[in-house]
Protein backbone atom coordinates (compact mmCIF):
# COMPACT_ATOMS: atom_id res chain seq x y z
CA PRO A 1 -49.72 39.04 30.70
CA ALA A 2 -52.87 38.31 28.88
CA SER A 3 -52.74 37.09 25.40
CA VAL A 4 -54.70 37.62 22.40
CA ASP A 5 -57.96 36.48 23.99
CA GLY A 6 -57.30 37.08 27.65
CA LYS A 7 -55.31 33.86 28.22
CA GLN A 8 -51.99 32.57 27.19
CA CYS A 9 -51.51 31.27 23.52
CA ARG A 10 -50.60 27.64 22.86
CA TRP A 11 -47.18 27.00 21.20
CA PRO A 12 -47.10 26.72 17.66
CA GLY A 13 -44.97 23.60 17.88
CA ARG A 14 -42.99 21.66 20.39
CA GLY A 15 -39.01 22.36 20.02
CA ARG A 16 -35.96 23.79 21.49
CA ILE A 17 -35.52 27.68 20.95
CA ILE A 18 -32.56 28.16 18.81
CA SER A 19 -32.96 31.89 18.47
CA GLY A 20 -34.68 34.41 20.89
CA PHE A 21 -36.45 37.65 20.50
CA GLY A 22 -34.72 40.87 20.10
CA SER A 23 -31.30 42.18 18.94
CA LYS A 24 -28.35 39.82 18.29
CA ALA A 25 -24.58 40.21 18.77
CA ASN A 26 -24.17 40.49 15.05
CA GLY A 27 -26.38 43.39 14.76
CA GLU A 28 -29.25 41.44 13.28
CA LYS A 29 -32.80 41.47 15.18
CA ASN A 30 -35.08 38.72 15.55
CA ASP A 31 -38.78 39.86 15.70
CA GLY A 32 -39.88 36.59 16.98
CA ILE A 33 -38.30 33.27 18.22
CA ASN A 34 -37.28 30.36 16.14
CA LEU A 35 -37.81 26.65 17.33
CA ALA A 36 -35.79 23.55 16.21
CA VAL A 37 -38.28 20.93 15.05
CA PRO A 38 -38.22 17.68 12.79
CA GLU A 39 -39.00 18.52 9.21
CA GLY A 40 -42.59 18.11 8.58
CA THR A 41 -43.74 18.69 11.95
CA SER A 42 -47.32 20.17 12.32
CA VAL A 43 -47.22 24.23 12.89
CA LYS A 44 -50.33 24.90 14.64
CA ALA A 45 -52.28 28.23 15.08
CA VAL A 46 -51.68 29.77 18.62
CA GLU A 47 -55.30 31.11 18.85
CA ALA A 48 -58.30 31.28 16.67
CA GLY A 49 -58.27 33.65 13.82
CA THR A 50 -58.39 34.30 9.86
CA VAL A 51 -55.54 33.45 7.62
CA ILE A 52 -54.59 36.80 6.09
CA TYR A 53 -51.58 35.60 4.20
CA ALA A 54 -50.19 32.43 2.99
CA GLY A 55 -47.36 32.27 0.54
CA ASN A 56 -43.72 32.81 -0.15
CA GLU A 57 -43.31 36.42 -1.46
CA LEU A 58 -41.51 37.68 1.44
CA ALA A 59 -37.75 37.46 1.17
CA ASN A 60 -36.13 35.41 3.71
CA TYR A 61 -39.32 33.90 5.57
CA GLY A 62 -39.94 31.06 3.07
CA ASN A 63 -43.30 29.75 3.03
CA LEU A 64 -45.27 32.01 5.43
CA VAL A 65 -48.60 32.25 7.17
CA LEU A 66 -49.92 35.17 8.88
CA VAL A 67 -53.24 34.84 10.98
CA ARG A 68 -55.09 37.92 12.43
CA HIS A 69 -56.70 37.53 15.75
CA ALA A 70 -58.99 39.41 17.79
CA ASP A 71 -57.98 42.95 18.95
CA GLY A 72 -55.39 43.87 16.48
CA TRP A 73 -52.94 40.63 17.23
CA VAL A 74 -51.16 38.77 14.22
CA SER A 75 -49.31 35.76 14.41
CA ALA A 76 -46.68 34.56 11.85
CA TYR A 77 -45.37 31.10 11.18
CA ALA A 78 -42.25 30.95 8.72
CA HIS A 79 -39.68 28.77 7.09
CA ASN A 80 -42.44 26.05 6.32
CA LYS A 81 -42.08 22.91 4.19
CA ASP A 82 -45.66 23.54 3.11
CA ILE A 83 -48.99 25.36 3.97
CA VAL A 84 -52.03 23.71 4.68
CA VAL A 85 -54.35 26.94 4.62
CA LYS A 86 -55.21 29.64 2.35
CA ARG A 87 -55.87 33.30 2.67
CA GLY A 88 -59.25 33.88 4.10
CA ASP A 89 -59.59 30.50 6.06
CA LYS A 90 -60.86 30.61 9.58
CA VAL A 91 -58.71 28.58 11.82
CA ARG A 92 -59.24 27.51 15.51
CA ARG A 93 -56.46 27.20 18.28
CA GLY A 94 -54.32 24.41 17.81
CA GLN A 95 -55.44 23.84 13.99
CA THR A 96 -52.47 22.83 11.56
CA VAL A 97 -51.42 25.62 9.33
CA ALA A 98 -48.25 24.29 7.86
CA HIS A 99 -45.51 21.71 8.26
CA ALA A 100 -42.38 22.66 9.39
CA GLY A 101 -39.27 22.94 6.73
CA MET A 102 -36.41 25.07 6.05
CA SER A 103 -37.59 27.45 3.26
CA GLY A 104 -36.29 30.90 3.13
CA SER A 105 -32.94 31.76 4.73
CA VAL A 106 -32.30 28.81 7.15
CA SER A 107 -30.35 25.67 7.01
CA SER A 108 -32.24 23.43 9.29
CA PRO A 109 -35.72 22.63 9.80
CA GLN A 110 -37.53 25.10 12.15
CA VAL A 111 -40.52 27.24 13.01
CA HIS A 112 -39.87 31.04 13.03
CA PHE A 113 -42.81 32.39 15.22
CA GLU A 114 -43.85 36.04 15.53
CA LEU A 115 -46.55 37.71 17.56
CA ARG A 116 -47.49 41.31 16.85
CA LYS A 117 -49.63 43.77 18.24
CA GLY A 118 -50.61 45.75 15.41
CA ALA A 119 -47.49 46.26 13.34
CA LYS A 120 -45.22 46.01 16.60
CA PRO A 121 -43.61 42.78 17.22
CA VAL A 122 -43.71 41.50 20.90
CA ASN A 123 -41.55 38.91 22.55
CA PRO A 124 -43.76 35.73 22.06
CA LEU A 125 -42.32 34.26 25.35
CA ASP A 126 -44.32 36.87 27.20
CA TYR A 127 -47.58 35.30 26.08
CA LEU A 128 -46.88 31.59 25.20
CA ALA A 129 -48.27 29.17 27.96
CA GLY A 130 -45.57 27.85 30.24
CA ALA A 131 -42.82 29.79 28.78
């Protein structure tokens, strides 16, 4: 399927998927995917866009970056050690927006990545190159 700009998105980081999209056996639901990565790994914007949130006010997400892309798409990058962009920044595809960590409700370094069309979460694996 087409991604946010008619081609597939780049991955936010290189790591092993430790939690997939959708409902879990314990009744919880993952609105994205989680990638195990070494702490401090660069977390990269999957497409060009504008940072619409960079902070840690949302429970469980830790340090979170939200980027708005064309046609109503939004990407989310959570559990970061630190954030290197601020609200209003324009980012390009592949630009580092944060460094992976274990902030929020996780016990190991990882990137939680979500892709939304409007407010609706979609399975990022349907849009990531080579997934």
